[in-house]
């Protein structure tokens, strides 16, 4: 497996663990449906926080604070890894395209030189 693929795979696993653990926690401690628990987890991790769902137990409030402090930086890091991978692949594509164009230019230059030499 390529190093870039391992990085993307790791990011997906980390994000899945965050979303699943948050959903599981709120489903069990607050008694919310899986959809509501997932929704609250996403709103917390993305810092949107509409406020339509709020933890009602003291333990849930404390865990939400801890979860936010851990998950928000992790999500930002994961998105950074994904963006880095995307831009590195784009740069690689651009570099290969430039190499191809320079090769064509050199071939054309040689052809022009050859034609000029023949006419002399």
PDB file of N, CA and C in Angstrom:
ATOM      1  N   UNK A   1       0.843  -1.179   0.000  1.00  0.00           N
ATOM      2  CA  UNK A   1       0.000   0.000   0.000  1.00  0.00           C
ATOM      3  C   UNK A   1       0.889   1.243   0.000  1.00  0.00           C
ATOM      4  N   UNK A   2       0.563   2.230  -0.818  1.00  0.00           N
ATOM      5  CA  UNK A   2       1.338   3.458  -0.883  1.00  0.00           C
ATOM      6  C   UNK A   2       1.224   4.235   0.424  1.00  0.00           C
ATOM      7  N   UNK A   3       2.244   5.061   0.681  1.00  0.00           N
ATOM      8  CA  UNK A   3       2.238   5.873   1.894  1.00  0.00           C
ATOM      9  C   UNK A   3       1.038   6.815   1.914  1.00  0.00           C
ATOM     10  N   UNK A   4       0.703   7.401   0.754  1.00  0.00           N
ATOM     11  CA  UNK A   4      -0.426   8.332   0.670  1.00  0.00           C
ATOM     12  C   UNK A   4      -1.734   7.598   0.969  1.00  0.00           C
ATOM     13  N   UNK A   5      -1.871   6.369   0.481  1.00  0.00           N
ATOM     14  CA  UNK A   5      -3.082   5.586   0.732  1.00  0.00           C
ATOM     15  C   UNK A   5      -3.227   5.250   2.209  1.00  0.00           C
ATOM     16  N   UNK A   6      -2.113   4.969   2.850  1.00  0.00           N
ATOM     17  CA  UNK A   6      -2.133   4.664   4.286  1.00  0.00           C
ATOM     18  C   UNK A   6      -2.596   5.887   5.061  1.00  0.00           C
ATOM     19  N   UNK A   7      -2.117   7.072   4.667  1.00  0.00           N
ATOM     20  CA  UNK A   7      -2.519   8.311   5.336  1.00  0.00           C
ATOM     21  C   UNK A   7      -4.005   8.564   5.198  1.00  0.00           C
ATOM     22  N   UNK A   8      -4.530   8.394   4.000  1.00  0.00           N
ATOM     23  CA  UNK A   8      -5.953   8.613   3.761  1.00  0.00           C
ATOM     24  C   UNK A   8      -6.775   7.569   4.508  1.00  0.00           C
ATOM     25  N   UNK A   9      -6.320   6.325   4.488  1.00  0.00           N
ATOM     26  CA  UNK A   9      -7.015   5.260   5.209  1.00  0.00           C
ATOM     27  C   UNK A   9      -7.042   5.559   6.705  1.00  0.00           C
ATOM     28  N   UNK A  10      -5.921   6.021   7.246  1.00  0.00           N
ATOM     29  CA  UNK A  10      -5.845   6.358   8.674  1.00  0.00           C
ATOM     30  C   UNK A  10      -6.802   7.490   9.021  1.00  0.00           C
ATOM     31  N   UNK A  11      -6.876   8.488   8.147  1.00  0.00           N
ATOM     32  CA  UNK A  11      -7.777   9.614   8.373  1.00  0.00           C
ATOM     33  C   UNK A  11      -9.223   9.148   8.397  1.00  0.00           C
ATOM     34  N   UNK A  12      -9.582   8.302   7.464  1.00  0.00           N
ATOM     35  CA  UNK A  12     -10.956   7.784   7.405  1.00  0.00           C
ATOM     36  C   UNK A  12     -11.276   6.992   8.674  1.00  0.00           C
ATOM     37  N   UNK A  13     -10.337   6.189   9.136  1.00  0.00           N
ATOM     38  CA  UNK A  13     -10.544   5.400  10.355  1.00  0.00           C
ATOM     39  C   UNK A  13     -10.712   6.327  11.569  1.00  0.00           C
ATOM     40  N   UNK A  14      -9.866   7.344  11.686  1.00  0.00           N
ATOM     41  CA  UNK A  14      -9.963   8.277  12.817  1.00  0.00           C
ATOM     42  C   UNK A  14     -11.309   8.993  12.807  1.00  0.00           C
ATOM     43  N   UNK A  15     -11.717   9.481  11.629  1.00  0.00           N
ATOM     44  CA  UNK A  15     -13.001  10.177  11.533  1.00  0.00           C
ATOM     45  C   UNK A  15     -14.169   9.234  11.863  1.00  0.00           C
ATOM     46  N   UNK A  16     -14.106   8.004  11.374  1.00  0.00           N
ATOM     47  CA  UNK A  16     -15.163   7.036  11.659  1.00  0.00           C
ATOM     48  C   UNK A  16     -15.249   6.756  13.161  1.00  0.00           C
ATOM     49  N   UNK A  17     -14.097   6.600  13.805  1.00  0.00           N
ATOM     50  CA  UNK A  17     -14.080   6.340  15.248  1.00  0.00           C
ATOM     51  C   UNK A  17     -14.689   7.525  16.005  1.00  0.00           C
ATOM     52  N   UNK A  18     -14.322   8.741  15.603  1.00  0.00           N
ATOM     53  CA  UNK A  18     -14.881   9.924  16.266  1.00  0.00           C
ATOM     54  C   UNK A  18     -16.400   9.977  16.133  1.00  0.00           C
ATOM     55  N   UNK A  19     -16.884   9.818  14.911  1.00  0.00           N
ATOM     56  CA  UNK A  19     -18.326   9.910  14.690  1.00  0.00           C
ATOM     57  C   UNK A  19     -19.086   8.766  15.355  1.00  0.00           C
ATOM     58  N   UNK A  20     -18.545   7.565  15.264  1.00  0.00           N
ATOM     59  CA  UNK A  20     -19.224   6.416  15.875  1.00  0.00           C
ATOM     60  C   UNK A  20     -19.197   6.484  17.400  1.00  0.00           C
ATOM     61  N   UNK A  21     -18.063   6.888  17.972  1.00  0.00           N
ATOM     62  CA  UNK A  21     -17.994   6.945  19.435  1.00  0.00           C
ATOM     63  C   UNK A  21     -18.903   8.042  19.985  1.00  0.00           C
ATOM     64  N   UNK A  22     -18.938   9.179  19.326  1.00  0.00           N
ATOM     65  CA  UNK A  22     -19.840  10.247  19.756  1.00  0.00           C
ATOM     66  C   UNK A  22     -21.294   9.831  19.648  1.00  0.00           C
ATOM     67  N   UNK A  23     -21.638   9.211  18.539  1.00  0.00           N
ATOM     68  CA  UNK A  23     -23.016   8.747  18.330  1.00  0.00           C
ATOM     69  C   UNK A  23     -23.394   7.719  19.391  1.00  0.00           C
ATOM     70  N   UNK A  24     -22.505   6.775  19.633  1.00  0.00           N
ATOM     71  CA  UNK A  24     -22.776   5.738  20.636  1.00  0.00           C
ATOM     72  C   UNK A  24     -22.953   6.374  22.024  1.00  0.00           C
ATOM     73  N   UNK A  25     -22.055   7.278  22.380  1.00  0.00           N
ATOM     74  CA  UNK A  25     -22.100   7.897  23.703  1.00  0.00           C
ATOM     75  C   UNK A  25     -23.425   8.626  23.927  1.00  0.00           C
ATOM     76  N   UNK A  26     -23.818   9.492  22.996  1.00  0.00           N
ATOM     77  CA  UNK A  26     -25.035  10.283  23.194  1.00  0.00           C
ATOM     78  C   UNK A  26     -26.299   9.427  23.096  1.00  0.00           C
ATOM     79  N   UNK A  27     -26.224   8.389  22.298  1.00  0.00           N
ATOM     80  CA  UNK A  27     -27.371   7.473  22.222  1.00  0.00           C
ATOM     81  C   UNK A  27     -27.606   6.801  23.577  1.00  0.00           C
ATOM     82  N   UNK A  28     -26.513   6.387  24.213  1.00  0.00           N
ATOM     83  CA  UNK A  28     -26.644   5.649  25.471  1.00  0.00           C
ATOM     84  C   UNK A  28     -26.792   6.544  26.698  1.00  0.00           C
ATOM     85  N   UNK A  29     -26.125   7.676  26.748  1.00  0.00           N
ATOM     86  CA  UNK A  29     -26.209   8.500  27.960  1.00  0.00           C
ATOM     87  C   UNK A  29     -27.402   9.455  27.945  1.00  0.00           C
ATOM     88  N   UNK A  30     -27.745   9.965  26.779  1.00  0.00           N
ATOM     89  CA  UNK A  30     -28.861  10.907  26.691  1.00  0.00           C
ATOM     90  C   UNK A  30     -30.161  10.234  26.257  1.00  0.00           C
ATOM     91  N   UNK A  31     -30.050   9.013  25.740  1.00  0.00           N
ATOM     92  CA  UNK A  31     -31.242   8.299  25.286  1.00  0.00           C
ATOM     93  C   UNK A  31     -31.782   8.824  23.964  1.00  0.00           C
ATOM     94  N   UNK A  32     -30.924   9.525  23.206  1.00  0.00           N
ATOM     95  CA  UNK A  32     -31.347  10.044  21.908  1.00  0.00           C
ATOM     96  C   UNK A  32     -31.341   8.927  20.874  1.00  0.00           C
ATOM     97  N   UNK A  33     -32.111   9.110  19.815  1.00  0.00           N
ATOM     98  CA  UNK A  33     -32.074   8.142  18.715  1.00  0.00           C
ATOM     99  C   UNK A  33     -30.682   8.206  18.077  1.00  0.00           C
ATOM    100  N   UNK A  34     -30.353   7.186  17.315  1.00  0.00           N
ATOM    101  CA  UNK A  34     -29.056   7.169  16.647  1.00  0.00           C
ATOM    102  C   UNK A  34     -28.904   8.371  15.707  1.00  0.00           C
ATOM    103  N   UNK A  35     -29.984   8.744  15.056  1.00  0.00           N
ATOM    104  CA  UNK A  35     -29.936   9.891  14.141  1.00  0.00           C
ATOM    105  C   UNK A  35     -29.657  11.180  14.914  1.00  0.00           C
ATOM    106  N   UNK A  36     -30.380  11.398  16.016  1.00  0.00           N
ATOM    107  CA  UNK A  36     -30.149  12.594  16.825  1.00  0.00           C
ATOM    108  C   UNK A  36     -28.748  12.597  17.426  1.00  0.00           C
ATOM    109  N   UNK A  37     -28.292  11.444  17.881  1.00  0.00           N
ATOM    110  CA  UNK A  37     -26.955  11.348  18.474  1.00  0.00           C
ATOM    111  C   UNK A  37     -25.885  11.637  17.418  1.00  0.00           C
ATOM    112  N   UNK A  38     -26.054  11.098  16.223  1.00  0.00           N
ATOM    113  CA  UNK A  38     -25.105  11.363  15.133  1.00  0.00           C
ATOM    114  C   UNK A  38     -25.134  12.842  14.756  1.00  0.00           C
ATOM    115  N   UNK A  39     -26.333  13.387  14.646  1.00  0.00           N
ATOM    116  CA  UNK A  39     -26.509  14.803  14.305  1.00  0.00           C
ATOM    117  C   UNK A  39     -25.798  15.688  15.327  1.00  0.00           C
ATOM    118  N   UNK A  40     -26.000  15.412  16.612  1.00  0.00           N
ATOM    119  CA  UNK A  40     -25.359  16.204  17.657  1.00  0.00           C
ATOM    120  C   UNK A  40     -23.837  16.062  17.585  1.00  0.00           C
ATOM    121  N   UNK A  41     -23.367  14.853  17.328  1.00  0.00           N
ATOM    122  CA  UNK A  41     -21.929  14.614  17.205  1.00  0.00           C
ATOM    123  C   UNK A  41     -21.343  15.440  16.067  1.00  0.00           C
ATOM    124  N   UNK A  42     -21.994  15.425  14.925  1.00  0.00           N
ATOM    125  CA  UNK A  42     -21.513  16.196  13.769  1.00  0.00           C
ATOM    126  C   UNK A  42     -21.545  17.692  14.082  1.00  0.00           C
ATOM    127  N   UNK A  43     -22.610  18.155  14.684  1.00  0.00           N
ATOM    128  CA  UNK A  43     -22.713  19.582  15.013  1.00  0.00           C
ATOM    129  C   UNK A  43     -21.640  19.994  16.025  1.00  0.00           C
ATOM    130  N   UNK A  44     -21.299  19.104  16.928  1.00  0.00           N
ATOM    131  CA  UNK A  44     -20.260  19.392  17.925  1.00  0.00           C
ATOM    132  C   UNK A  44     -18.883  19.404  17.278  1.00  0.00           C
ATOM    133  N   UNK A  45     -18.576  18.361  16.505  1.00  0.00           N
ATOM    134  CA  UNK A  45     -17.256  18.240  15.884  1.00  0.00           C
ATOM    135  C   UNK A  45     -16.997  19.364  14.893  1.00  0.00           C
ATOM    136  N   UNK A  46     -18.019  19.766  14.156  1.00  0.00           N
ATOM    137  CA  UNK A  46     -17.836  20.819  13.150  1.00  0.00           C
ATOM    138  C   UNK A  46     -17.999  22.214  13.733  1.00  0.00           C
ATOM    139  N   UNK A  47     -18.242  22.319  15.008  1.00  0.00           N
ATOM    140  CA  UNK A  47     -18.419  23.569  15.761  1.00  0.00           C
ATOM    141  C   UNK A  47     -19.617  24.386  15.283  1.00  0.00           C
ATOM    142  N   UNK A  48     -20.581  23.755  14.629  1.00  0.00           N
ATOM    143  CA  UNK A  48     -21.778  24.460  14.191  1.00  0.00           C
ATOM    144  C   UNK A  48     -22.655  24.745  15.399  1.00  0.00           C
ATOM    145  N   UNK A  49     -23.018  23.714  16.141  1.00  0.00           N
ATOM    146  CA  UNK A  49     -23.755  23.868  17.384  1.00  0.00           C
ATOM    147  C   UNK A  49     -25.022  24.691  17.294  1.00  0.00           C
ATOM    148  N   UNK A  50     -26.028  24.182  16.612  1.00  0.00           N
ATOM    149  CA  UNK A  50     -27.289  24.913  16.477  1.00  0.00           C
ATOM    150  C   UNK A  50     -27.981  25.121  17.819  1.00  0.00           C
ATOM    151  N   UNK A  51     -27.779  24.211  18.756  1.00  0.00           N
ATOM    152  CA  UNK A  51     -28.396  24.345  20.071  1.00  0.00           C
ATOM    153  C   UNK A  51     -29.766  23.718  20.181  1.00  0.00           C
ATOM    154  N   UNK A  52     -30.204  23.025  19.133  1.00  0.00           N
ATOM    155  CA  UNK A  52     -31.507  22.376  19.206  1.00  0.00           C
ATOM    156  C   UNK A  52     -31.464  21.114  20.066  1.00  0.00           C
ATOM    157  N   UNK A  53     -30.308  20.495  20.177  1.00  0.00           N
ATOM    158  CA  UNK A  53     -30.099  19.377  21.100  1.00  0.00           C
ATOM    159  C   UNK A  53     -28.990  19.785  22.065  1.00  0.00           C
ATOM    160  N   UNK A  54     -29.214  19.549  23.326  1.00  0.00           N
ATOM    161  CA  UNK A  54     -28.187  19.860  24.330  1.00  0.00           C
ATOM    162  C   UNK A  54     -28.131  18.725  25.343  1.00  0.00           C
ATOM    163  N   UNK A  55     -26.938  18.418  25.838  1.00  0.00           N
ATOM    164  CA  UNK A  55     -26.828  17.392  26.871  1.00  0.00           C
ATOM    165  C   UNK A  55     -27.561  17.840  28.141  1.00  0.00           C
ATOM    166  N   UNK A  56     -28.221  16.894  28.775  1.00  0.00           N
ATOM    167  CA  UNK A  56     -28.997  17.228  29.972  1.00  0.00           C
ATOM    168  C   UNK A  56     -28.364  16.712  31.257  1.00  0.00           C
ATOM    169  N   UNK A  57     -27.463  15.752  31.161  1.00  0.00           N
ATOM    170  CA  UNK A  57     -26.800  15.193  32.332  1.00  0.00           C
ATOM    171  C   UNK A  57     -25.443  15.870  32.537  1.00  0.00           C
ATOM    172  N   UNK A  58     -25.053  16.038  33.781  1.00  0.00           N
ATOM    173  CA  UNK A  58     -23.764  16.667  34.074  1.00  0.00           C
ATOM    174  C   UNK A  58     -22.606  15.888  33.432  1.00  0.00           C
ATOM    175  N   UNK A  59     -22.669  14.559  33.515  1.00  0.00           N
ATOM    176  CA  UNK A  59     -21.613  13.730  32.923  1.00  0.00           C
ATOM    177  C   UNK A  59     -21.539  13.959  31.417  1.00  0.00           C
ATOM    178  N   UNK A  60     -22.678  14.046  30.754  1.00  0.00           N
ATOM    179  CA  UNK A  60     -22.701  14.286  29.306  1.00  0.00           C
ATOM    180  C   UNK A  60     -22.121  15.649  28.966  1.00  0.00           C
ATOM    181  N   UNK A  61     -22.390  16.639  29.786  1.00  0.00           N
ATOM    182  CA  UNK A  61     -21.849  17.980  29.546  1.00  0.00           C
ATOM    183  C   UNK A  61     -20.331  17.981  29.654  1.00  0.00           C
ATOM    184  N   UNK A  62     -19.821  17.307  30.682  1.00  0.00           N
ATOM    185  CA  UNK A  62     -18.369  17.221  30.861  1.00  0.00           C
ATOM    186  C   UNK A  62     -17.739  16.462  29.697  1.00  0.00           C
ATOM    187  N   UNK A  63     -18.336  15.344  29.331  1.00  0.00           N
ATOM    188  CA  UNK A  63     -17.807  14.546  28.228  1.00  0.00           C
ATOM    189  C   UNK A  63     -17.894  15.297  26.899  1.00  0.00           C
ATOM    190  N   UNK A  64     -18.914  16.127  26.728  1.00  0.00           N
ATOM    191  CA  UNK A  64     -19.029  16.927  25.505  1.00  0.00           C
ATOM    192  C   UNK A  64     -17.877  17.920  25.424  1.00  0.00           C
ATOM    193  N   UNK A  65     -17.544  18.531  26.555  1.00  0.00           N
ATOM    194  CA  UNK A  65     -16.414  19.466  26.579  1.00  0.00           C
ATOM    195  C   UNK A  65     -15.111  18.743  26.239  1.00  0.00           C
ATOM    196  N   UNK A  66     -14.887  17.592  26.854  1.00  0.00           N
ATOM    197  CA  UNK A  66     -13.674  16.816  26.583  1.00  0.00           C
ATOM    198  C   UNK A  66     -13.672  16.328  25.129  1.00  0.00           C
ATOM    199  N   UNK A  67     -14.810  15.825  24.668  1.00  0.00           N
ATOM    200  CA  UNK A  67     -14.943  15.341  23.298  1.00  0.00           C
ATOM    201  C   UNK A  67     -14.633  16.462  22.301  1.00  0.00           C
ATOM    202  N   UNK A  68     -15.129  17.653  22.577  1.00  0.00           N
ATOM    203  CA  UNK A  68     -14.872  18.799  21.693  1.00  0.00           C
ATOM    204  C   UNK A  68     -13.392  19.137  21.654  1.00  0.00           C
ATOM    205  N   UNK A  69     -12.757  19.176  22.826  1.00  0.00           N
ATOM    206  CA  UNK A  69     -11.338  19.524  22.885  1.00  0.00           C
ATOM    207  C   UNK A  69     -10.455  18.516  22.161  1.00  0.00           C
ATOM    208  N   UNK A  70     -10.898  17.271  22.113  1.00  0.00           N
ATOM    209  CA  UNK A  70     -10.123  16.228  21.422  1.00  0.00           C
ATOM    210  C   UNK A  70     -10.498  16.155  19.941  1.00  0.00           C
ATOM    211  N   UNK A  71     -11.789  16.161  19.646  1.00  0.00           N
ATOM    212  CA  UNK A  71     -12.236  15.889  18.278  1.00  0.00           C
ATOM    213  C   UNK A  71     -12.030  17.046  17.310  1.00  0.00           C
ATOM    214  N   UNK A  72     -12.212  18.270  17.746  1.00  0.00           N
ATOM    215  CA  UNK A  72     -12.095  19.409  16.820  1.00  0.00           C
ATOM    216  C   UNK A  72     -10.676  19.511  16.249  1.00  0.00           C
ATOM    217  N   UNK A  73      -9.630  19.487  17.085  1.00  0.00           N
ATOM    218  CA  UNK A  73      -8.273  19.513  16.498  1.00  0.00           C
ATOM    219  C   UNK A  73      -7.984  18.286  15.618  1.00  0.00           C
ATOM    220  N   UNK A  74      -8.503  17.122  16.018  1.00  0.00           N
ATOM    221  CA  UNK A  74      -8.292  15.926  15.208  1.00  0.00           C
ATOM    222  C   UNK A  74      -8.943  16.053  13.829  1.00  0.00           C
ATOM    223  N   UNK A  75     -10.145  16.584  13.788  1.00  0.00           N
ATOM    224  CA  UNK A  75     -10.839  16.757  12.504  1.00  0.00           C
ATOM    225  C   UNK A  75     -10.085  17.762  11.632  1.00  0.00           C
ATOM    226  N   UNK A  76      -9.624  18.846  12.228  1.00  0.00           N
ATOM    227  CA  UNK A  76      -8.844  19.838  11.471  1.00  0.00           C
ATOM    228  C   UNK A  76      -7.578  19.183  10.917  1.00  0.00           C
ATOM    229  N   UNK A  77      -6.896  18.387  11.733  1.00  0.00           N
ATOM    230  CA  UNK A  77      -5.699  17.679  11.284  1.00  0.00           C
ATOM    231  C   UNK A  77      -6.027  16.728  10.135  1.00  0.00           C
ATOM    232  N   UNK A  78      -7.120  15.977  10.282  1.00  0.00           N
ATOM    233  CA  UNK A  78      -7.513  15.017   9.235  1.00  0.00           C
ATOM    234  C   UNK A  78      -7.817  15.730   7.919  1.00  0.00           C
ATOM    235  N   UNK A  79      -8.538  16.837   7.985  1.00  0.00           N
ATOM    236  CA  UNK A  79      -8.823  17.595   6.767  1.00  0.00           C
ATOM    237  C   UNK A  79      -7.537  18.149   6.166  1.00  0.00           C
ATOM    238  N   UNK A  80      -6.581  18.518   7.018  1.00  0.00           N
ATOM    239  CA  UNK A  80      -5.280  18.974   6.525  1.00  0.00           C
ATOM    240  C   UNK A  80      -4.541  17.879   5.784  1.00  0.00           C
ATOM    241  N   UNK A  81      -4.587  16.661   6.323  1.00  0.00           N
ATOM    242  CA  UNK A  81      -3.942  15.517   5.658  1.00  0.00           C
ATOM    243  C   UNK A  81      -4.596  15.259   4.304  1.00  0.00           C
ATOM    244  N   UNK A  82      -5.920  15.306   4.261  1.00  0.00           N
ATOM    245  CA  UNK A  82      -6.625  15.090   2.996  1.00  0.00           C
ATOM    246  C   UNK A  82      -6.292  16.197   1.992  1.00  0.00           C
ATOM    247  N   UNK A  83      -6.264  17.440   2.439  1.00  0.00           N
ATOM    248  CA  UNK A  83      -5.948  18.556   1.540  1.00  0.00           C
ATOM    249  C   UNK A  83      -4.513  18.449   1.031  1.00  0.00           C
ATOM    250  N   UNK A  84      -3.592  18.088   1.912  1.00  0.00           N
ATOM    251  CA  UNK A  84      -2.194  17.924   1.502  1.00  0.00           C
ATOM    252  C   UNK A  84      -2.076  16.844   0.429  1.00  0.00           C
ATOM    253  N   UNK A  85      -2.742  15.721   0.638  1.00  0.00           N
ATOM    254  CA  UNK A  85      -2.714  14.648  -0.352  1.00  0.00           C
ATOM    255  C   UNK A  85      -3.274  15.095  -1.688  1.00  0.00           C
ATOM    256  N   UNK A  86      -4.370  15.835  -1.643  1.00  0.00           N
ATOM    257  CA  UNK A  86      -4.986  16.325  -2.885  1.00  0.00           C
ATOM    258  C   UNK A  86      -4.042  17.269  -3.623  1.00  0.00           C
ATOM    259  N   UNK A  87      -3.491  18.245  -2.909  1.00  0.00           N
ATOM    260  CA  UNK A  87      -2.633  19.230  -3.570  1.00  0.00           C
ATOM    261  C   UNK A  87      -1.319  18.623  -4.036  1.00  0.00           C
ATOM    262  N   UNK A  88      -0.786  17.659  -3.300  1.00  0.00           N
ATOM    263  CA  UNK A  88       0.431  16.985  -3.761  1.00  0.00           C
ATOM    264  C   UNK A  88       0.167  16.210  -5.050  1.00  0.00           C
ATOM    265  N   UNK A  89      -0.990  15.583  -5.152  1.00  0.00           N
ATOM    266  CA  UNK A  89      -1.305  14.857  -6.390  1.00  0.00           C
ATOM    267  C   UNK A  89      -1.493  15.826  -7.547  1.00  0.00           C
ATOM    268  N   UNK A  90      -2.106  16.974  -7.285  1.00  0.00           N
ATOM    269  CA  UNK A  90      -2.270  17.991  -8.336  1.00  0.00           C
ATOM    270  C   UNK A  90      -0.918  18.523  -8.795  1.00  0.00           C
ATOM    271  N   UNK A  91      -0.008  18.784  -7.833  1.00  0.00           N
ATOM    272  CA  UNK A  91       1.329  19.275  -8.171  1.00  0.00           C
ATOM    273  C   UNK A  91       2.070  18.230  -8.997  1.00  0.00           C
ATOM    274  N   UNK A  92       1.944  16.960  -8.616  1.00  0.00           N
ATOM    275  CA  UNK A  92       2.570  15.884  -9.393  1.00  0.00           C
ATOM    276  C   UNK A  92       2.047  15.840 -10.816  1.00  0.00           C
ATOM    277  N   UNK A  93       0.750  16.025 -10.976  1.00  0.00           N
ATOM    278  CA  UNK A  93       0.151  16.038 -12.312  1.00  0.00           C
ATOM    279  C   UNK A  93       0.679  17.219 -13.126  1.00  0.00           C
ATOM    280  N   UNK A  94       0.754  18.381 -12.500  1.00  0.00           N
ATOM    281  CA  UNK A  94       1.252  19.580 -13.188  1.00  0.00           C
ATOM    282  C   UNK A  94       2.720  19.401 -13.574  1.00  0.00           C
ATOM    283  N   UNK A  95       3.525  18.837 -12.682  1.00  0.00           N
ATOM    284  CA  UNK A  95       4.932  18.605 -12.991  1.00  0.00           C
ATOM    285  C   UNK A  95       5.100  17.655 -14.166  1.00  0.00           C
ATOM    286  N   UNK A  96       4.313  16.591 -14.195  1.00  0.00           N
ATOM    287  CA  UNK A  96       4.422  15.650 -15.315  1.00  0.00           C
ATOM    288  C   UNK A  96       3.956  16.294 -16.623  1.00  0.00           C
ATOM    289  N   UNK A  97       2.967  17.140 -16.548  1.00  0.00           N
ATOM    290  CA  UNK A  97       2.489  17.859 -17.742  1.00  0.00           C
ATOM    291  C   UNK A  97       3.551  18.822 -18.256  1.00  0.00           C
ATOM    292  N   UNK A  98       4.219  19.535 -17.341  1.00  0.00           N
ATOM    293  CA  UNK A  98       5.300  20.453 -17.730  1.00  0.00           C
ATOM    294  C   UNK A  98       6.442  19.677 -18.375  1.00  0.00           C
ATOM    295  N   UNK A  99       6.813  18.546 -17.799  1.00  0.00           N
ATOM    296  CA  UNK A  99       7.871  17.707 -18.370  1.00  0.00           C
ATOM    297  C   UNK A  99       7.499  17.264 -19.773  1.00  0.00           C
ATOM    298  N   UNK A 100       6.258  16.867 -19.955  1.00  0.00           N
ATOM    299  CA  UNK A 100       5.784  16.440 -21.272  1.00  0.00           C
ATOM    300  C   UNK A 100       5.860  17.595 -22.280  1.00  0.00           C
ATOM    301  N   UNK A 101       5.427  18.770 -21.872  1.00  0.00           N
ATOM    302  CA  UNK A 101       5.458  19.930 -22.769  1.00  0.00           C
ATOM    303  C   UNK A 101       6.888  20.346 -23.108  1.00  0.00           C
ATOM    304  N   UNK A 102       7.790  20.289 -22.142  1.00  0.00           N
ATOM    305  CA  UNK A 102       9.193  20.612 -22.408  1.00  0.00           C
ATOM    306  C   UNK A 102       9.821  19.610 -23.366  1.00  0.00           C
ATOM    307  N   UNK A 103       9.436  18.357 -23.220  1.00  0.00           N
ATOM    308  CA  UNK A 103       9.930  17.322 -24.127  1.00  0.00           C
ATOM    309  C   UNK A 103       9.445  17.592 -25.552  1.00  0.00           C
ATOM    310  N   UNK A 104       8.178  17.967 -25.680  1.00  0.00           N
ATOM    311  CA  UNK A 104       7.641  18.315 -27.007  1.00  0.00           C
ATOM    312  C   UNK A 104       8.366  19.514 -27.591  1.00  0.00           C
ATOM    313  N   UNK A 105       8.625  20.507 -26.739  1.00  0.00           N
ATOM    314  CA  UNK A 105       9.299  21.709 -27.204  1.00  0.00           C
ATOM    315  C   UNK A 105      10.694  21.363 -27.709  1.00  0.00           C
ATOM    316  N   UNK A 106      11.401  20.505 -26.991  1.00  0.00           N
ATOM    317  CA  UNK A 106      12.747  20.110 -27.395  1.00  0.00           C
ATOM    318  C   UNK A 106      12.697  19.371 -28.727  1.00  0.00           C
ATOM    319  N   UNK A 107      11.715  18.490 -28.896  1.00  0.00           N
ATOM    320  CA  UNK A 107      11.558  17.751 -30.148  1.00  0.00           C
ATOM    321  C   UNK A 107      11.277  18.709 -31.297  1.00  0.00           C
ATOM    322  N   UNK A 108      10.406  19.673 -31.082  1.00  0.00           N
ATOM    323  CA  UNK A 108      10.094  20.654 -32.120  1.00  0.00           C
ATOM    324  C   UNK A 108      11.318  21.503 -32.455  1.00  0.00           C
ATOM    325  N   UNK A 109      12.062  21.874 -31.431  1.00  0.00           N
ATOM    326  CA  UNK A 109      13.271  22.662 -31.649  1.00  0.00           C
ATOM    327  C   UNK A 109      14.271  21.886 -32.497  1.00  0.00           C
ATOM    328  N   UNK A 110      14.421  20.596 -32.202  1.00  0.00           N
ATOM    329  CA  UNK A 110      15.336  19.756 -32.984  1.00  0.00           C
ATOM    330  C   UNK A 110      14.853  19.623 -34.424  1.00  0.00           C
ATOM    331  N   UNK A 111      13.532  19.477 -34.604  1.00  0.00           N
ATOM    332  CA  UNK A 111      12.978  19.378 -35.961  1.00  0.00           C
ATOM    333  C   UNK A 111      13.202  20.660 -36.741  1.00  0.00           C
ATOM    334  N   UNK A 112      13.003  21.790 -36.107  1.00  0.00           N
ATOM    335  CA  UNK A 112      13.211  23.080 -36.774  1.00  0.00           C
ATOM    336  C   UNK A 112      14.682  23.252 -37.137  1.00  0.00           C
ATOM    337  N   UNK A 113      15.558  22.898 -36.222  1.00  0.00           N
ATOM    338  CA  UNK A 113      16.993  22.995 -36.487  1.00  0.00           C
ATOM    339  C   UNK A 113      17.370  22.108 -37.663  1.00  0.00           C
ATOM    340  N   UNK A 114      16.808  20.933 -37.720  1.00  0.00           N
ATOM    341  CA  UNK A 114      17.092  19.978 -38.804  1.00  0.00           C
ATOM    342  C   UNK A 114      16.624  20.549 -40.153  1.00  0.00           C
ATOM    343  N   UNK A 115      15.438  21.151 -40.172  1.00  0.00           N
ATOM    344  CA  UNK A 115      14.900  21.734 -41.410  1.00  0.00           C
ATOM    345  C   UNK A 115      15.776  22.904 -41.851  1.00  0.00           C
ATOM    346  N   UNK A 116      16.191  23.729 -40.925  1.00  0.00           N
ATOM    347  CA  UNK A 116      17.050  24.878 -41.257  1.00  0.00           C
ATOM    348  C   UNK A 116      18.375  24.395 -41.821  1.00  0.00           C
ATOM    349  N   UNK A 117      18.956  23.360 -41.195  1.00  0.00           N
ATOM    350  CA  UNK A 117      20.237  22.818 -41.664  1.00  0.00           C
ATOM    351  C   UNK A 117      20.091  22.233 -43.065  1.00  0.00           C
ATOM    352  N   UNK A 118      18.957  21.628 -43.370  1.00  0.00           N
ATOM    353  CA  UNK A 118      18.737  21.035 -44.713  1.00  0.00           C
ATOM    354  C   UNK A 118      18.653  22.118 -45.764  1.00  0.00           C
ATOM    355  N   UNK A 119      18.125  23.274 -45.432  1.00  0.00           N
ATOM    356  CA  UNK A 119      17.951  24.353 -46.408  1.00  0.00           C
ATOM    357  C   UNK A 119      19.253  25.100 -46.660  1.00  0.00           C
ATOM    358  N   UNK A 120      20.234  24.923 -45.817  1.00  0.00           N
ATOM    359  CA  UNK A 120      21.515  25.614 -46.017  1.00  0.00           C
ATOM    360  C   UNK A 120      22.304  25.015 -47.089  1.00  0.00           C
TER     361      UNK A 120
END
